[in-house]
All heavy atoms as atom14 arrays in JSON, in Angstrom:
{
  "sequence": "WMLEKFSEGYNDMYFVDDALGNVKAVKEVLDQLDVKSKV",
  "atom14_mask": [
    [1, 1, 1, 1, 1, 1, 1, 1, 1, 1, 1, 1, 1, 1],
    [1, 1, 1, 1, 1, 1, 1, 1, 0, 0, 0, 0, 0, 0],
    [1, 1, 1, 1, 1, 1, 1, 1, 0, 0, 0, 0, 0, 0],
    [1, 1, 1, 1, 1, 1, 1, 1, 1, 0, 0, 0, 0, 0],
    [1, 1, 1, 1, 1, 1, 1, 1, 1, 0, 0, 0, 0, 0],
    [1, 1, 1, 1, 1, 1, 1, 1, 1, 1, 1, 0, 0, 0],
    [1, 1, 1, 1, 1, 1, 0, 0, 0, 0, 0, 0, 0, 0],
    [1, 1, 1, 1, 1, 1, 1, 1, 1, 0, 0, 0, 0, 0],
    [1, 1, 1, 1, 0, 0, 0, 0, 0, 0, 0, 0, 0, 0],
    [1, 1, 1, 1, 1, 1, 1, 1, 1, 1, 1, 1, 0, 0],
    [1, 1, 1, 1, 1, 1, 1, 1, 0, 0, 0, 0, 0, 0],
    [1, 1, 1, 1, 1, 1, 1, 1, 0, 0, 0, 0, 0, 0],
    [1, 1, 1, 1, 1, 1, 1, 1, 0, 0, 0, 0, 0, 0],
    [1, 1, 1, 1, 1, 1, 1, 1, 1, 1, 1, 1, 0, 0],
    [1, 1, 1, 1, 1, 1, 1, 1, 1, 1, 1, 0, 0, 0],
    [1, 1, 1, 1, 1, 1, 1, 0, 0, 0, 0, 0, 0, 0],
    [1, 1, 1, 1, 1, 1, 1, 1, 0, 0, 0, 0, 0, 0],
    [1, 1, 1, 1, 1, 1, 1, 1, 0, 0, 0, 0, 0, 0],
    [1, 1, 1, 1, 1, 0, 0, 0, 0, 0, 0, 0, 0, 0],
    [1, 1, 1, 1, 1, 1, 1, 1, 0, 0, 0, 0, 0, 0],
    [1, 1, 1, 1, 0, 0, 0, 0, 0, 0, 0, 0, 0, 0],
    [1, 1, 1, 1, 1, 1, 1, 1, 0, 0, 0, 0, 0, 0],
    [1, 1, 1, 1, 1, 1, 1, 0, 0, 0, 0, 0, 0, 0],
    [1, 1, 1, 1, 1, 1, 1, 1, 1, 0, 0, 0, 0, 0],
    [1, 1, 1, 1, 1, 0, 0, 0, 0, 0, 0, 0, 0, 0],
    [1, 1, 1, 1, 1, 1, 1, 0, 0, 0, 0, 0, 0, 0],
    [1, 1, 1, 1, 1, 1, 1, 1, 1, 0, 0, 0, 0, 0],
    [1, 1, 1, 1, 1, 1, 1, 1, 1, 0, 0, 0, 0, 0],
    [1, 1, 1, 1, 1, 1, 1, 0, 0, 0, 0, 0, 0, 0],
    [1, 1, 1, 1, 1, 1, 1, 1, 0, 0, 0, 0, 0, 0],
    [1, 1, 1, 1, 1, 1, 1, 1, 0, 0, 0, 0, 0, 0],
    [1, 1, 1, 1, 1, 1, 1, 1, 1, 0, 0, 0, 0, 0],
    [1, 1, 1, 1, 1, 1, 1, 1, 0, 0, 0, 0, 0, 0],
    [1, 1, 1, 1, 1, 1, 1, 1, 0, 0, 0, 0, 0, 0],
    [1, 1, 1, 1, 1, 1, 1, 0, 0, 0, 0, 0, 0, 0],
    [1, 1, 1, 1, 1, 1, 1, 1, 1, 0, 0, 0, 0, 0],
    [1, 1, 1, 1, 1, 1, 0, 0, 0, 0, 0, 0, 0, 0],
    [1, 1, 1, 1, 1, 1, 1, 1, 1, 0, 0, 0, 0, 0],
    [1, 1, 1, 1, 1, 1, 1, 0, 0, 0, 0, 0, 0, 0]
  ],
  "atom14_positions": [
    [[-12.78, -6.36, 14.29], [-13.81, -7.3, 14.11], [-13.18, -8.68, 13.89], [-13.77, -9.74, 14.43], [-14.71, -6.88, 12.9], [-15.88, -7.75, 12.73], [-17.16, -7.55, 13.33], [-16.0, -8.91, 11.9], [-17.99, -8.48, 12.89], [-17.33, -9.36, 12.06], [-15.14, -9.59, 11.07], [-17.83, -10.51, 11.37], [-15.63, -10.64, 10.4], [-16.9, -11.14, 10.57]],
    [[-12.14, -8.85, 13.03], [-11.58, -10.04, 12.81], [-10.92, -10.65, 14.08], [-11.06, -11.83, 14.38], [-10.44, -9.92, 11.74], [-10.96, -9.51, 10.36], [-11.92, -10.76, 9.53], [-10.68, -11.91, 8.93], [0.0, 0.0, 0.0], [0.0, 0.0, 0.0], [0.0, 0.0, 0.0], [0.0, 0.0, 0.0], [0.0, 0.0, 0.0], [0.0, 0.0, 0.0]],
    [[-10.35, -9.79, 14.94], [-9.81, -10.22, 16.16], [-10.86, -10.71, 17.09], [-10.74, -11.75, 17.77], [-9.11, -9.04, 16.79], [-8.33, -9.3, 18.09], [-7.24, -10.38, 17.92], [-7.74, -8.02, 18.67], [0.0, 0.0, 0.0], [0.0, 0.0, 0.0], [0.0, 0.0, 0.0], [0.0, 0.0, 0.0], [0.0, 0.0, 0.0], [0.0, 0.0, 0.0]],
    [[-12.07, -10.1, 17.07], [-13.17, -10.58, 17.84], [-13.6, -11.95, 17.37], [-13.89, -12.89, 18.24], [-14.36, -9.56, 17.72], [-15.63, -10.06, 18.54], [-16.76, -9.09, 18.37], [-16.54, -7.86, 18.29], [-17.83, -9.58, 18.32], [0.0, 0.0, 0.0], [0.0, 0.0, 0.0], [0.0, 0.0, 0.0], [0.0, 0.0, 0.0], [0.0, 0.0, 0.0]],
    [[-13.64, -12.25, 16.09], [-13.96, -13.56, 15.58], [-12.94, -14.59, 16.08], [-13.27, -15.72, 16.39], [-14.12, -13.5, 14.08], [-15.3, -12.82, 13.57], [-16.6, -13.48, 14.15], [-17.81, -12.58, 13.94], [-18.93, -12.99, 14.81], [0.0, 0.0, 0.0], [0.0, 0.0, 0.0], [0.0, 0.0, 0.0], [0.0, 0.0, 0.0], [0.0, 0.0, 0.0]],
    [[-11.67, -14.2, 16.06], [-10.58, -15.1, 16.66], [-10.87, -15.45, 18.08], [-10.79, -16.6, 18.47], [-9.26, -14.4, 16.46], [-8.13, -15.19, 17.14], [-7.68, -16.35, 16.63], [-7.61, -14.69, 18.38], [-6.56, -17.01, 17.32], [-6.7, -15.42, 19.03], [-6.15, -16.56, 18.53], [0.0, 0.0, 0.0], [0.0, 0.0, 0.0], [0.0, 0.0, 0.0]],
    [[-11.29, -14.52, 18.84], [-11.59, -14.69, 20.23], [-12.75, -15.62, 20.47], [-12.96, -16.26, 21.48], [-11.78, -13.39, 21.03], [-12.96, -12.81, 20.71], [0.0, 0.0, 0.0], [0.0, 0.0, 0.0], [0.0, 0.0, 0.0], [0.0, 0.0, 0.0], [0.0, 0.0, 0.0], [0.0, 0.0, 0.0], [0.0, 0.0, 0.0], [0.0, 0.0, 0.0]],
    [[-13.63, -15.74, 19.4], [-14.82, -16.57, 19.49], [-14.43, -18.03, 19.07], [-15.27, -18.89, 19.03], [-15.96, -16.02, 18.61], [-16.52, -14.75, 19.09], [-17.51, -14.12, 18.12], [-17.81, -14.77, 17.1], [-17.89, -12.99, 18.4], [0.0, 0.0, 0.0], [0.0, 0.0, 0.0], [0.0, 0.0, 0.0], [0.0, 0.0, 0.0], [0.0, 0.0, 0.0]],
    [[-13.18, -18.25, 18.61], [-12.74, -19.53, 18.22], [-12.48, -19.79, 16.76], [-12.08, -20.89, 16.32], [0.0, 0.0, 0.0], [0.0, 0.0, 0.0], [0.0, 0.0, 0.0], [0.0, 0.0, 0.0], [0.0, 0.0, 0.0], [0.0, 0.0, 0.0], [0.0, 0.0, 0.0], [0.0, 0.0, 0.0], [0.0, 0.0, 0.0], [0.0, 0.0, 0.0]],
    [[-12.74, -18.75, 15.91], [-12.47, -18.91, 14.47], [-10.98, -19.0, 14.29], [-10.23, -18.29, 14.89], [-13.05, -17.81, 13.71], [-14.5, -17.84, 13.6], [-15.32, -17.25, 14.68], [-15.24, -18.41, 12.59], [-16.73, -17.24, 14.61], [-16.62, -18.52, 12.56], [-17.37, -17.89, 13.53], [-18.7, -17.97, 13.51], [0.0, 0.0, 0.0], [0.0, 0.0, 0.0]],
    [[-10.5, -19.97, 13.41], [-9.04, -20.12, 13.21], [-8.66, -20.3, 11.78], [-7.53, -20.61, 11.48], [-8.55, -21.31, 14.04], [-9.18, -22.62, 13.58], [-9.85, -22.69, 12.68], [-8.87, -23.64, 14.32], [0.0, 0.0, 0.0], [0.0, 0.0, 0.0], [0.0, 0.0, 0.0], [0.0, 0.0, 0.0], [0.0, 0.0, 0.0], [0.0, 0.0, 0.0]],
    [[-9.52, -20.03, 10.85], [-9.27, -20.1, 9.39], [-10.0, -18.88, 8.75], [-11.19, -18.88, 8.59], [-9.76, -21.39, 8.8], [-9.27, -21.68, 7.38], [-8.63, -20.7, 6.77], [-9.56, -22.69, 6.82], [0.0, 0.0, 0.0], [0.0, 0.0, 0.0], [0.0, 0.0, 0.0], [0.0, 0.0, 0.0], [0.0, 0.0, 0.0], [0.0, 0.0, 0.0]],
    [[-9.27, -17.83, 8.52], [-9.8, -16.62, 8.09], [-9.28, -16.1, 6.68], [-8.13, -16.21, 6.38], [-9.49, -15.48, 9.12], [-10.02, -15.82, 10.49], [-9.51, -14.58, 11.6], [-10.75, -14.82, 12.84], [0.0, 0.0, 0.0], [0.0, 0.0, 0.0], [0.0, 0.0, 0.0], [0.0, 0.0, 0.0], [0.0, 0.0, 0.0], [0.0, 0.0, 0.0]],
    [[-10.29, -15.63, 5.93], [-10.01, -15.09, 4.56], [-10.64, -13.77, 4.48], [-11.86, -13.62, 4.76], [-10.56, -16.05, 3.51], [-10.32, -15.59, 2.07], [-9.02, -15.39, 1.65], [-11.42, -15.52, 1.22], [-8.87, -15.03, 0.3], [-11.2, -15.13, -0.07], [-9.86, -14.87, -0.56], [-9.71, -14.51, -1.85], [0.0, 0.0, 0.0], [0.0, 0.0, 0.0]],
    [[-9.87, -12.72, 4.22], [-10.39, -11.3, 4.18], [-10.07, -10.69, 2.81], [-8.99, -10.75, 2.36], [-9.73, -10.5, 5.32], [-10.1, -9.05, 5.32], [-11.35, -8.67, 5.94], [-9.41, -8.06, 4.73], [-11.69, -7.42, 6.01], [-9.77, -6.73, 4.81], [-10.97, -6.43, 5.43], [0.0, 0.0, 0.0], [0.0, 0.0, 0.0], [0.0, 0.0, 0.0]],
    [[-11.06, -10.15, 2.24], [-10.91, -9.43, 0.93], [-11.5, -8.06, 1.05], [-12.66, -7.9, 1.61], [-11.62, -10.24, -0.23], [-11.48, -9.41, -1.52], [-11.08, -11.55, -0.38], [0.0, 0.0, 0.0], [0.0, 0.0, 0.0], [0.0, 0.0, 0.0], [0.0, 0.0, 0.0], [0.0, 0.0, 0.0], [0.0, 0.0, 0.0], [0.0, 0.0, 0.0]],
    [[-10.84, -7.02, 0.65], [-11.4, -5.65, 0.66], [-10.8, -4.92, -0.56], [-9.76, -5.22, -1.09], [-10.93, -4.99, 1.96], [-11.82, -3.83, 2.33], [-11.72, -2.81, 1.59], [-12.51, -3.8, 3.26], [0.0, 0.0, 0.0], [0.0, 0.0, 0.0], [0.0, 0.0, 0.0], [0.0, 0.0, 0.0], [0.0, 0.0, 0.0], [0.0, 0.0, 0.0]],
    [[-11.53, -3.92, -1.05], [-11.0, -3.13, -2.12], [-10.1, -2.02, -1.69], [-9.27, -1.48, -2.54], [-12.13, -2.56, -2.98], [-13.1, -1.61, -2.17], [-13.03, -1.64, -0.99], [-13.8, -0.85, -2.85], [0.0, 0.0, 0.0], [0.0, 0.0, 0.0], [0.0, 0.0, 0.0], [0.0, 0.0, 0.0], [0.0, 0.0, 0.0], [0.0, 0.0, 0.0]],
    [[-10.06, -1.77, -0.38], [-9.15, -0.63, 0.07], [-7.77, -1.34, 0.67], [-7.85, -2.11, 1.62], [-9.83, 0.11, 1.16], [0.0, 0.0, 0.0], [0.0, 0.0, 0.0], [0.0, 0.0, 0.0], [0.0, 0.0, 0.0], [0.0, 0.0, 0.0], [0.0, 0.0, 0.0], [0.0, 0.0, 0.0], [0.0, 0.0, 0.0], [0.0, 0.0, 0.0]],
    [[-6.75, -1.01, 0.0], [-5.43, -1.56, 0.42], [-5.11, -1.31, 1.88], [-4.58, -2.21, 2.56], [-4.31, -1.06, -0.49], [-2.96, -1.65, -0.24], [-2.99, -3.18, -0.37], [-1.92, -1.06, -1.18], [0.0, 0.0, 0.0], [0.0, 0.0, 0.0], [0.0, 0.0, 0.0], [0.0, 0.0, 0.0], [0.0, 0.0, 0.0], [0.0, 0.0, 0.0]],
    [[-5.5, -0.18, 2.37], [-5.22, 0.12, 3.83], [-5.96, -0.82, 4.77], [-5.46, -1.23, 5.76], [0.0, 0.0, 0.0], [0.0, 0.0, 0.0], [0.0, 0.0, 0.0], [0.0, 0.0, 0.0], [0.0, 0.0, 0.0], [0.0, 0.0, 0.0], [0.0, 0.0, 0.0], [0.0, 0.0, 0.0], [0.0, 0.0, 0.0], [0.0, 0.0, 0.0]],
    [[-7.16, -1.19, 4.37], [-7.94, -2.2, 5.13], [-7.32, -3.54, 5.12], [-7.21, -4.24, 6.13], [-9.39, -2.25, 4.74], [-10.14, -1.03, 4.96], [-9.74, -0.11, 5.69], [-11.32, -0.86, 4.33], [0.0, 0.0, 0.0], [0.0, 0.0, 0.0], [0.0, 0.0, 0.0], [0.0, 0.0, 0.0], [0.0, 0.0, 0.0], [0.0, 0.0, 0.0]],
    [[-6.82, -3.93, 3.93], [-6.14, -5.21, 3.71], [-4.87, -5.22, 4.64], [-4.66, -6.26, 5.37], [-5.82, -5.47, 2.3], [-4.94, -6.74, 2.09], [-7.12, -5.59, 1.43], [0.0, 0.0, 0.0], [0.0, 0.0, 0.0], [0.0, 0.0, 0.0], [0.0, 0.0, 0.0], [0.0, 0.0, 0.0], [0.0, 0.0, 0.0], [0.0, 0.0, 0.0]],
    [[-4.11, -4.22, 4.61], [-2.88, -4.13, 5.37], [-3.15, -4.21, 6.84], [-2.45, -4.84, 7.65], [-2.05, -2.93, 5.02], [-1.42, -2.89, 3.68], [-0.65, -1.73, 3.34], [0.13, -1.82, 2.03], [0.85, -0.63, 1.73], [0.0, 0.0, 0.0], [0.0, 0.0, 0.0], [0.0, 0.0, 0.0], [0.0, 0.0, 0.0], [0.0, 0.0, 0.0]],
    [[-4.15, -3.47, 7.37], [-4.54, -3.45, 8.75], [-4.97, -4.87, 9.22], [-4.47, -5.27, 10.29], [-5.59, -2.44, 8.99], [0.0, 0.0, 0.0], [0.0, 0.0, 0.0], [0.0, 0.0, 0.0], [0.0, 0.0, 0.0], [0.0, 0.0, 0.0], [0.0, 0.0, 0.0], [0.0, 0.0, 0.0], [0.0, 0.0, 0.0], [0.0, 0.0, 0.0]],
    [[-5.79, -5.46, 8.47], [-6.24, -6.86, 8.92], [-5.11, -7.84, 8.82], [-4.91, -8.61, 9.73], [-7.39, -7.3, 7.97], [-7.73, -8.77, 8.18], [-8.69, -6.46, 8.26], [0.0, 0.0, 0.0], [0.0, 0.0, 0.0], [0.0, 0.0, 0.0], [0.0, 0.0, 0.0], [0.0, 0.0, 0.0], [0.0, 0.0, 0.0], [0.0, 0.0, 0.0]],
    [[-4.29, -7.71, 7.82], [-3.08, -8.62, 7.71], [-2.17, -8.49, 8.89], [-1.7, -9.45, 9.48], [-2.32, -8.38, 6.42], [-1.1, -9.32, 6.29], [-0.52, -9.24, 4.89], [0.72, -10.09, 4.69], [0.92, -11.22, 5.55], [0.0, 0.0, 0.0], [0.0, 0.0, 0.0], [0.0, 0.0, 0.0], [0.0, 0.0, 0.0], [0.0, 0.0, 0.0]],
    [[-1.97, -7.26, 9.39], [-1.09, -6.97, 10.54], [-1.67, -7.7, 11.78], [-0.86, -8.33, 12.55], [-1.0, -5.53, 10.87], [-0.04, -4.83, 9.93], [0.1, -3.3, 10.35], [-0.12, -2.96, 11.51], [0.44, -2.53, 9.5], [0.0, 0.0, 0.0], [0.0, 0.0, 0.0], [0.0, 0.0, 0.0], [0.0, 0.0, 0.0], [0.0, 0.0, 0.0]],
    [[-2.97, -7.63, 11.99], [-3.59, -8.39, 13.13], [-3.45, -9.82, 12.95], [-3.09, -10.56, 13.87], [-4.98, -7.89, 13.36], [-5.81, -8.74, 14.31], [-4.98, -6.43, 13.87], [0.0, 0.0, 0.0], [0.0, 0.0, 0.0], [0.0, 0.0, 0.0], [0.0, 0.0, 0.0], [0.0, 0.0, 0.0], [0.0, 0.0, 0.0], [0.0, 0.0, 0.0]],
    [[-3.92, -10.37, 11.76], [-3.91, -11.82, 11.58], [-2.57, -12.39, 11.69], [-2.38, -13.63, 12.12], [-4.63, -12.13, 10.26], [-6.12, -11.84, 10.16], [-6.62, -12.14, 8.82], [-6.88, -12.52, 11.27], [0.0, 0.0, 0.0], [0.0, 0.0, 0.0], [0.0, 0.0, 0.0], [0.0, 0.0, 0.0], [0.0, 0.0, 0.0], [0.0, 0.0, 0.0]],
    [[-1.5, -11.73, 11.26], [-0.09, -12.25, 11.29], [0.32, -12.43, 12.68], [1.26, -13.24, 12.98], [0.84, -11.29, 10.61], [0.79, -11.4, 9.03], [0.09, -12.34, 8.53], [1.37, -10.54, 8.37], [0.0, 0.0, 0.0], [0.0, 0.0, 0.0], [0.0, 0.0, 0.0], [0.0, 0.0, 0.0], [0.0, 0.0, 0.0], [0.0, 0.0, 0.0]],
    [[-0.34, -11.83, 13.62], [0.07, -12.0, 15.1], [-0.69, -13.1, 15.78], [-0.36, -13.44, 16.92], [-0.17, -10.64, 15.81], [0.68, -9.49, 15.32], [0.32, -8.2, 16.0], [0.19, -8.17, 17.19], [0.22, -7.14, 15.23], [0.0, 0.0, 0.0], [0.0, 0.0, 0.0], [0.0, 0.0, 0.0], [0.0, 0.0, 0.0], [0.0, 0.0, 0.0]],
    [[-1.6, -13.73, 15.1], [-2.46, -14.76, 15.72], [-2.07, -16.12, 15.16], [-1.58, -16.27, 14.07], [-3.93, -14.48, 15.42], [-4.49, -13.12, 15.77], [-5.88, -12.91, 15.23], [-4.38, -12.88, 17.28], [0.0, 0.0, 0.0], [0.0, 0.0, 0.0], [0.0, 0.0, 0.0], [0.0, 0.0, 0.0], [0.0, 0.0, 0.0], [0.0, 0.0, 0.0]],
    [[-2.39, -17.1, 15.92], [-2.14, -18.49, 15.49], [-3.34, -18.98, 14.77], [-4.17, -19.77, 15.28], [-1.86, -19.39, 16.82], [-1.47, -20.8, 16.35], [-1.01, -21.03, 15.27], [-1.68, -21.68, 17.26], [0.0, 0.0, 0.0], [0.0, 0.0, 0.0], [0.0, 0.0, 0.0], [0.0, 0.0, 0.0], [0.0, 0.0, 0.0], [0.0, 0.0, 0.0]],
    [[-3.5, -18.52, 13.49], [-4.68, -18.86, 12.67], [-4.14, -19.05, 11.23], [-3.1, -18.48, 10.82], [-5.73, -17.76, 12.64], [-6.43, -17.59, 13.98], [-5.3, -16.47, 12.14], [0.0, 0.0, 0.0], [0.0, 0.0, 0.0], [0.0, 0.0, 0.0], [0.0, 0.0, 0.0], [0.0, 0.0, 0.0], [0.0, 0.0, 0.0], [0.0, 0.0, 0.0]],
    [[-4.88, -19.88, 10.53], [-4.66, -19.93, 9.07], [-5.42, -18.75, 8.47], [-6.59, -18.5, 8.77], [-5.28, -21.23, 8.56], [-5.11, -21.38, 7.05], [-5.75, -22.76, 6.56], [-5.64, -22.79, 5.08], [-6.35, -24.06, 4.6], [0.0, 0.0, 0.0], [0.0, 0.0, 0.0], [0.0, 0.0, 0.0], [0.0, 0.0, 0.0], [0.0, 0.0, 0.0]],
    [[-4.72, -17.92, 7.7], [-5.31, -16.74, 7.17], [-4.78, -16.35, 5.81], [-3.63, -16.7, 5.44], [-5.19, -15.59, 8.13], [-3.84, -15.18, 8.22], [0.0, 0.0, 0.0], [0.0, 0.0, 0.0], [0.0, 0.0, 0.0], [0.0, 0.0, 0.0], [0.0, 0.0, 0.0], [0.0, 0.0, 0.0], [0.0, 0.0, 0.0], [0.0, 0.0, 0.0]],
    [[-5.62, -15.59, 5.05], [-5.18, -15.09, 3.83], [-5.94, -13.71, 3.62], [-7.2, -13.61, 3.99], [-5.58, -16.0, 2.65], [-5.17, -15.42, 1.29], [-5.43, -16.42, 0.16], [-4.92, -15.79, -1.19], [-5.22, -16.62, -2.3], [0.0, 0.0, 0.0], [0.0, 0.0, 0.0], [0.0, 0.0, 0.0], [0.0, 0.0, 0.0], [0.0, 0.0, 0.0]],
    [[-5.27, -12.76, 3.15], [-5.88, -11.45, 2.91], [-5.44, -11.11, 1.47], [-4.41, -11.4, 0.99], [-5.45, -10.36, 3.94], [-5.89, -10.71, 5.3], [-3.98, -10.08, 3.82], [0.0, 0.0, 0.0], [0.0, 0.0, 0.0], [0.0, 0.0, 0.0], [0.0, 0.0, 0.0], [0.0, 0.0, 0.0], [0.0, 0.0, 0.0], [0.0, 0.0, 0.0]]
  ]
}
């Protein structure tokens, strides 16, 4: 879903989740993109 938002032009992303696995999965994707991000 975050990758889809990137493809729509979003370039500053902040993701918070209570499940560590979700945080890690999103971080892996965002780390590969040219975006400002924090998880």
